[in-house]
Amino acid sequence: MADTAFEERLARINSGQGFVAEGLLGNGDLNTIRKRQEKGRAPTPATMGVPVKKRLPVKRVLIAALLGVVSFFGGSLGAFHATNSVPSEFDQYRPLVEALGPVGMSGLLAMLLLYISGFRSMWLVGAMVLGFFATHYAEPHMAQTAPVLWSQMYSPEHADALKFKAIAQSAQINAVMPAGFALPTGLSLPEGVSLPVDLGLPSG
């Protein structure tokens, strides 16, 4: 009985159905083919050596851009409230925060987020930087659109300053636009208010 089972198993291995066992034991035809492939003397699979096309990691790029937005607002809010809040036990760090400023604080937060997230590729770092600077440019217009929110996040005076910065940015864009291009509605200076530099704004 045992001899019959052994002969059947031996026949199955010799017929090529025992490749798994051969691979584990390191013998048989499969092992011979593998050794020849390692030495370059046997045909290799058609897919071996074919370059794999790298796809843009869209989700991770969006996350990196969002981290840039978070780092901007985190640093900006932290610097603002650290230098304008009531005295506290953290006043010893106020000179450092004032020296770094909002951009420096945002940069430190961005590096911390990069380290935590593990993003190292050029695409992801670039997306984070792009998100940071896009938010830096868009913040005045965001504050102009939602002045109440910015007044609560920072202060009414800071929100007003950002509003006039948005007006100045729009005026600079208007200066390089073709004739006939007009500023968006609501971007005229209030009566009695003027900017230190003549930007060609409508007088209202």
C-alpha atoms as a PDB file:
ATOM      1  CA  MET A   1       0.000   0.000   0.000  1.00  0.00           C
ATOM      2  CA  ALA A   2       2.787   2.373   0.958  1.00  0.00           C
ATOM      3  CA  ASP A   3       4.776   1.421  -2.135  1.00  0.00           C
ATOM      4  CA  THR A   4       1.774   2.182  -4.348  1.00  0.00           C
ATOM      5  CA  ALA A   5       1.274   5.639  -2.777  1.00  0.00           C
ATOM      6  CA  PHE A   6       4.973   6.402  -3.157  1.00  0.00           C
ATOM      7  CA  GLU A   7       4.954   5.372  -6.817  1.00  0.00           C
ATOM      8  CA  GLU A   8       1.877   7.555  -7.491  1.00  0.00           C
ATOM      9  CA  ARG A   9       3.534  10.536  -5.828  1.00  0.00           C
ATOM     10  CA  LEU A  10       6.748   9.969  -7.766  1.00  0.00           C
ATOM     11  CA  ALA A  11       4.783   9.768 -11.017  1.00  0.00           C
ATOM     12  CA  ARG A  12       2.970  13.023 -10.179  1.00  0.00           C
ATOM     13  CA  ILE A  13       6.257  14.804  -9.504  1.00  0.00           C
ATOM     14  CA  ASN A  14       7.792  13.519 -12.717  1.00  0.00           C
ATOM     15  CA  SER A  15       4.718  14.651 -14.673  1.00  0.00           C
ATOM     16  CA  GLY A  16       5.240  18.250 -13.551  1.00  0.00           C
ATOM     17  CA  GLN A  17       2.481  18.436 -10.937  1.00  0.00           C
ATOM     18  CA  GLY A  18       4.902  18.586  -8.036  1.00  0.00           C
ATOM     19  CA  PHE A  19       6.533  21.930  -8.802  1.00  0.00           C
ATOM     20  CA  VAL A  20       5.626  23.346  -5.403  1.00  0.00           C
ATOM     21  CA  ALA A  21       7.350  20.492  -3.644  1.00  0.00           C
ATOM     22  CA  GLU A  22      10.343  20.784  -5.973  1.00  0.00           C
ATOM     23  CA  GLY A  23      10.605  24.472  -5.230  1.00  0.00           C
ATOM     24  CA  LEU A  24      10.619  23.807  -1.517  1.00  0.00           C
ATOM     25  CA  LEU A  25      13.034  20.904  -1.675  1.00  0.00           C
ATOM     26  CA  GLY A  26      15.369  22.536  -4.193  1.00  0.00           C
ATOM     27  CA  ASN A  27      15.405  19.699  -6.705  1.00  0.00           C
ATOM     28  CA  GLY A  28      13.676  18.604  -9.873  1.00  0.00           C
ATOM     29  CA  ASP A  29      13.199  20.308 -13.234  1.00  0.00           C
ATOM     30  CA  LEU A  30      11.759  23.524 -11.783  1.00  0.00           C
ATOM     31  CA  ASN A  31      14.817  24.089  -9.655  1.00  0.00           C
ATOM     32  CA  THR A  32      17.057  23.463 -12.659  1.00  0.00           C
ATOM     33  CA  ILE A  33      15.180  26.054 -14.728  1.00  0.00           C
ATOM     34  CA  ARG A  34      15.376  28.567 -11.884  1.00  0.00           C
ATOM     35  CA  LYS A  35      19.134  28.139 -11.574  1.00  0.00           C
ATOM     36  CA  ARG A  36      19.566  28.582 -15.338  1.00  0.00           C
ATOM     37  CA  GLN A  37      17.500  31.781 -15.190  1.00  0.00           C
ATOM     38  CA  GLU A  38      19.705  33.106 -12.418  1.00  0.00           C
ATOM     39  CA  LYS A  39      22.741  32.492 -14.614  1.00  0.00           C
ATOM     40  CA  GLY A  40      21.056  34.063 -17.652  1.00  0.00           C
ATOM     41  CA  ARG A  41      20.935  30.804 -19.604  1.00  0.00           C
ATOM     42  CA  ALA A  42      17.169  30.358 -19.730  1.00  0.00           C
ATOM     43  CA  PRO A  43      14.291  32.441 -21.089  1.00  0.00           C
ATOM     44  CA  THR A  44      12.817  34.947 -18.655  1.00  0.00           C
ATOM     45  CA  PRO A  45       9.163  35.947 -18.309  1.00  0.00           C
ATOM     46  CA  ALA A  46       7.909  38.503 -20.831  1.00  0.00           C
ATOM     47  CA  THR A  47       7.093  40.990 -18.075  1.00  0.00           C
ATOM     48  CA  MET A  48      10.556  40.930 -16.536  1.00  0.00           C
ATOM     49  CA  GLY A  49      12.450  44.157 -17.143  1.00  0.00           C
ATOM     50  CA  VAL A  50       9.411  46.035 -18.468  1.00  0.00           C
ATOM     51  CA  PRO A  51       9.340  49.483 -16.824  1.00  0.00           C
ATOM     52  CA  VAL A  52       6.243  50.133 -14.747  1.00  0.00           C
ATOM     53  CA  LYS A  53       4.610  53.497 -15.452  1.00  0.00           C
ATOM     54  CA  LYS A  54       4.476  55.626 -12.334  1.00  0.00           C
ATOM     55  CA  ARG A  55       1.125  57.255 -11.752  1.00  0.00           C
ATOM     56  CA  LEU A  56       0.635  60.571 -10.037  1.00  0.00           C
ATOM     57  CA  PRO A  57      -0.602  59.891  -6.478  1.00  0.00           C
ATOM     58  CA  VAL A  58      -3.591  62.225  -6.740  1.00  0.00           C
ATOM     59  CA  LYS A  59      -4.961  61.563  -3.256  1.00  0.00           C
ATOM     60  CA  ARG A  60      -1.599  62.084  -1.584  1.00  0.00           C
ATOM     61  CA  VAL A  61      -1.007  65.259  -3.602  1.00  0.00           C
ATOM     62  CA  LEU A  62      -4.348  66.647  -2.402  1.00  0.00           C
ATOM     63  CA  ILE A  63      -3.496  65.706   1.179  1.00  0.00           C
ATOM     64  CA  ALA A  64      -0.099  67.405   0.842  1.00  0.00           C
ATOM     65  CA  ALA A  65      -1.743  70.573  -0.492  1.00  0.00           C
ATOM     66  CA  LEU A  66      -4.186  70.490   2.427  1.00  0.00           C
ATOM     67  CA  LEU A  67      -1.254  70.176   4.829  1.00  0.00           C
ATOM     68  CA  GLY A  68       0.177  73.331   3.252  1.00  0.00           C
ATOM     69  CA  VAL A  69      -3.088  75.143   4.005  1.00  0.00           C
ATOM     70  CA  VAL A  70      -3.084  73.831   7.583  1.00  0.00           C
ATOM     71  CA  SER A  71       0.529  74.868   8.142  1.00  0.00           C
ATOM     72  CA  PHE A  72      -0.204  78.384   6.874  1.00  0.00           C
ATOM     73  CA  PHE A  73      -3.188  78.996   9.126  1.00  0.00           C
ATOM     74  CA  GLY A  74      -1.592  77.197  12.068  1.00  0.00           C
ATOM     75  CA  GLY A  75       1.520  79.362  11.928  1.00  0.00           C
ATOM     76  CA  SER A  76      -0.406  82.544  11.202  1.00  0.00           C
ATOM     77  CA  LEU A  77      -2.902  82.060  14.028  1.00  0.00           C
ATOM     78  CA  GLY A  78      -0.208  80.929  16.441  1.00  0.00           C
ATOM     79  CA  ALA A  79       2.016  83.920  15.729  1.00  0.00           C
ATOM     80  CA  PHE A  80      -0.880  86.386  15.911  1.00  0.00           C
ATOM     81  CA  HIS A  81      -2.267  85.212  19.231  1.00  0.00           C
ATOM     82  CA  ALA A  82       1.177  84.663  20.761  1.00  0.00           C
ATOM     83  CA  THR A  83       2.128  88.283  20.115  1.00  0.00           C
ATOM     84  CA  ASN A  84      -1.269  89.900  20.773  1.00  0.00           C
ATOM     85  CA  SER A  85      -2.690  87.871  23.646  1.00  0.00           C
ATOM     86  CA  VAL A  86      -2.778  88.730  27.322  1.00  0.00           C
ATOM     87  CA  PRO A  87       0.366  87.974  29.374  1.00  0.00           C
ATOM     88  CA  SER A  88       0.788  84.309  30.292  1.00  0.00           C
ATOM     89  CA  GLU A  89       3.407  81.768  31.340  1.00  0.00           C
ATOM     90  CA  PHE A  90       4.411  81.412  27.675  1.00  0.00           C
ATOM     91  CA  ASP A  91       5.665  84.996  27.431  1.00  0.00           C
ATOM     92  CA  GLN A  92       9.250  83.739  27.577  1.00  0.00           C
ATOM     93  CA  TYR A  93       8.774  82.396  24.040  1.00  0.00           C
ATOM     94  CA  ARG A  94       7.250  85.600  22.686  1.00  0.00           C
ATOM     95  CA  PRO A  95      10.588  87.074  21.448  1.00  0.00           C
ATOM     96  CA  LEU A  96      11.223  83.889  19.446  1.00  0.00           C
ATOM     97  CA  VAL A  97       7.738  83.976  17.924  1.00  0.00           C
ATOM     98  CA  GLU A  98       8.124  87.660  17.063  1.00  0.00           C
ATOM     99  CA  ALA A  99      11.481  86.948  15.418  1.00  0.00           C
ATOM    100  CA  LEU A 100      10.080  84.100  13.330  1.00  0.00           C
ATOM    101  CA  GLY A 101       6.868  85.879  12.398  1.00  0.00           C
ATOM    102  CA  PRO A 102       3.861  84.181  10.799  1.00  0.00           C
ATOM    103  CA  VAL A 103       5.869  82.823   7.864  1.00  0.00           C
ATOM    104  CA  GLY A 104       8.572  81.361  10.105  1.00  0.00           C
ATOM    105  CA  MET A 105       6.018  79.747  12.397  1.00  0.00           C
ATOM    106  CA  SER A 106       4.195  78.317   9.387  1.00  0.00           C
ATOM    107  CA  GLY A 107       7.479  76.970   8.030  1.00  0.00           C
ATOM    108  CA  LEU A 108       8.247  75.184  11.305  1.00  0.00           C
ATOM    109  CA  LEU A 109       4.770  73.680  11.348  1.00  0.00           C
ATOM    110  CA  ALA A 110       5.132  72.614   7.705  1.00  0.00           C
ATOM    111  CA  MET A 111       8.400  70.786   8.451  1.00  0.00           C
ATOM    112  CA  LEU A 112       6.774  69.069  11.422  1.00  0.00           C
ATOM    113  CA  LEU A 113       3.827  67.959   9.286  1.00  0.00           C
ATOM    114  CA  LEU A 114       6.193  66.696   6.579  1.00  0.00           C
ATOM    115  CA  TYR A 115       8.057  64.618   9.143  1.00  0.00           C
ATOM    116  CA  ILE A 116       4.869  63.194  10.651  1.00  0.00           C
ATOM    117  CA  SER A 117       3.215  62.443   7.303  1.00  0.00           C
ATOM    118  CA  GLY A 118       6.302  60.792   5.829  1.00  0.00           C
ATOM    119  CA  PHE A 119       5.943  62.705   2.556  1.00  0.00           C
ATOM    120  CA  ARG A 120       9.362  62.872   0.915  1.00  0.00           C
ATOM    121  CA  SER A 121       8.815  62.845  -2.845  1.00  0.00           C
ATOM    122  CA  MET A 122       9.242  65.974  -4.949  1.00  0.00           C
ATOM    123  CA  TRP A 123       5.579  65.896  -6.011  1.00  0.00           C
ATOM    124  CA  LEU A 124       4.260  65.858  -2.457  1.00  0.00           C
ATOM    125  CA  VAL A 125       6.637  68.488  -1.101  1.00  0.00           C
ATOM    126  CA  GLY A 126       5.856  70.690  -4.109  1.00  0.00           C
ATOM    127  CA  ALA A 127       2.112  70.249  -3.554  1.00  0.00           C
ATOM    128  CA  MET A 128       2.508  71.283   0.072  1.00  0.00           C
ATOM    129  CA  VAL A 129       4.508  74.382  -0.860  1.00  0.00           C
ATOM    130  CA  LEU A 130       1.949  75.240  -3.543  1.00  0.00           C
ATOM    131  CA  GLY A 131      -0.908  74.911  -1.056  1.00  0.00           C
ATOM    132  CA  PHE A 132       0.959  77.146   1.382  1.00  0.00           C
ATOM    133  CA  PHE A 133       1.639  79.993  -1.052  1.00  0.00           C
ATOM    134  CA  ALA A 134      -1.788  79.724  -2.691  1.00  0.00           C
ATOM    135  CA  THR A 135      -3.371  80.219   0.724  1.00  0.00           C
ATOM    136  CA  HIS A 136      -0.967  83.060   1.491  1.00  0.00           C
ATOM    137  CA  TYR A 137      -2.128  84.891  -1.628  1.00  0.00           C
ATOM    138  CA  ALA A 138      -5.811  84.001  -1.270  1.00  0.00           C
ATOM    139  CA  GLU A 139      -6.168  84.827   2.430  1.00  0.00           C
ATOM    140  CA  PRO A 140      -6.953  88.554   1.922  1.00  0.00           C
ATOM    141  CA  HIS A 141      -9.741  87.670  -0.505  1.00  0.00           C
ATOM    142  CA  MET A 142     -11.018  84.983   1.858  1.00  0.00           C
ATOM    143  CA  ALA A 143     -11.039  87.528   4.685  1.00  0.00           C
ATOM    144  CA  GLN A 144     -12.920  89.964   2.468  1.00  0.00           C
ATOM    145  CA  THR A 145     -15.514  87.304   1.672  1.00  0.00           C
ATOM    146  CA  ALA A 146     -15.927  86.204   5.311  1.00  0.00           C
ATOM    147  CA  PRO A 147     -14.966  89.227   7.457  1.00  0.00           C
ATOM    148  CA  VAL A 148     -16.909  88.010  10.505  1.00  0.00           C
ATOM    149  CA  LEU A 149     -15.037  84.701  10.561  1.00  0.00           C
ATOM    150  CA  TRP A 150     -11.664  86.434  10.232  1.00  0.00           C
ATOM    151  CA  SER A 151     -12.613  88.899  12.961  1.00  0.00           C
ATOM    152  CA  GLN A 152     -13.327  85.961  15.253  1.00  0.00           C
ATOM    153  CA  MET A 153     -10.170  84.088  14.263  1.00  0.00           C
ATOM    154  CA  TYR A 154      -7.891  87.117  14.565  1.00  0.00           C
ATOM    155  CA  SER A 155      -9.363  90.549  15.316  1.00  0.00           C
ATOM    156  CA  PRO A 156     -11.574  93.106  13.528  1.00  0.00           C
ATOM    157  CA  GLU A 157      -8.529  95.303  12.858  1.00  0.00           C
ATOM    158  CA  HIS A 158      -6.621  92.406  11.292  1.00  0.00           C
ATOM    159  CA  ALA A 159      -9.626  91.501   9.132  1.00  0.00           C
ATOM    160  CA  ASP A 160      -9.873  95.112   7.911  1.00  0.00           C
ATOM    161  CA  ALA A 161      -6.164  95.159   7.072  1.00  0.00           C
ATOM    162  CA  LEU A 162      -6.556  91.997   5.008  1.00  0.00           C
ATOM    163  CA  LYS A 163      -9.568  93.503   3.253  1.00  0.00           C
ATOM    164  CA  PHE A 164      -7.509  96.457   2.029  1.00  0.00           C
ATOM    165  CA  LYS A 165      -4.707  94.082   1.051  1.00  0.00           C
ATOM    166  CA  ALA A 166      -7.211  92.266  -1.154  1.00  0.00           C
ATOM    167  CA  ILE A 167      -8.179  95.590  -2.719  1.00  0.00           C
ATOM    168  CA  ALA A 168      -4.517  96.368  -3.409  1.00  0.00           C
ATOM    169  CA  GLN A 169      -3.939  92.942  -4.984  1.00  0.00           C
ATOM    170  CA  SER A 170      -6.967  93.360  -7.227  1.00  0.00           C
ATOM    171  CA  ALA A 171      -5.763  96.820  -8.226  1.00  0.00           C
ATOM    172  CA  GLN A 172      -2.358  95.438  -9.203  1.00  0.00           C
ATOM    173  CA  ILE A 173      -4.059  92.788 -11.325  1.00  0.00           C
ATOM    174  CA  ASN A 174      -6.246  95.482 -12.868  1.00  0.00           C
ATOM    175  CA  ALA A 175      -3.154  97.523 -13.752  1.00  0.00           C
ATOM    176  CA  VAL A 176      -1.808  94.806 -16.049  1.00  0.00           C
ATOM    177  CA  MET A 177      -5.154  93.824 -17.557  1.00  0.00           C
ATOM    178  CA  PRO A 178      -6.336  95.026 -20.977  1.00  0.00           C
ATOM    179  CA  ALA A 179      -8.346  98.205 -21.298  1.00  0.00           C
ATOM    180  CA  GLY A 180     -11.949  97.802 -20.295  1.00  0.00           C
ATOM    181  CA  PHE A 181     -11.222  95.331 -17.503  1.00  0.00           C
ATOM    182  CA  ALA A 182     -12.915  96.437 -14.269  1.00  0.00           C
ATOM    183  CA  LEU A 183     -12.426  95.440 -10.675  1.00  0.00           C
ATOM    184  CA  PRO A 184     -15.004  93.097  -9.182  1.00  0.00           C
ATOM    185  CA  THR A 185     -17.984  94.707  -7.537  1.00  0.00           C
ATOM    186  CA  GLY A 186     -17.370  95.931  -4.013  1.00  0.00           C
ATOM    187  CA  LEU A 187     -13.622  96.519  -4.295  1.00  0.00           C
ATOM    188  CA  SER A 188     -13.729 100.325  -4.134  1.00  0.00           C
ATOM    189  CA  LEU A 189     -12.217 102.103  -1.156  1.00  0.00           C
ATOM    190  CA  PRO A 190     -14.644 103.513   1.415  1.00  0.00           C
ATOM    191  CA  GLU A 191     -15.103 107.270   1.448  1.00  0.00           C
ATOM    192  CA  GLY A 192     -12.383 109.021   3.410  1.00  0.00           C
ATOM    193  CA  VAL A 193      -9.976 106.043   3.285  1.00  0.00           C
ATOM    194  CA  SER A 194      -6.883 106.042   1.103  1.00  0.00           C
ATOM    195  CA  LEU A 195      -3.919 103.769   0.557  1.00  0.00           C
ATOM    196  CA  PRO A 196      -0.338 105.009   0.981  1.00  0.00           C
ATOM    197  CA  VAL A 197       0.377 104.292  -2.686  1.00  0.00           C
ATOM    198  CA  ASP A 198      -1.792 105.424  -5.593  1.00  0.00           C
ATOM    199  CA  LEU A 199      -2.941 102.190  -7.214  1.00  0.00           C
ATOM    200  CA  GLY A 200      -5.456 103.739  -9.574  1.00  0.00           C
ATOM    201  CA  LEU A 201      -8.440 102.478  -7.601  1.00  0.00           C
ATOM    202  CA  PRO A 202     -11.910 103.865  -8.310  1.00  0.00           C
ATOM    203  CA  SER A 203     -12.961 106.434  -5.770  1.00  0.00           C
ATOM    204  CA  GLY A 204     -16.324 104.785  -5.128  1.00  0.00           C
END
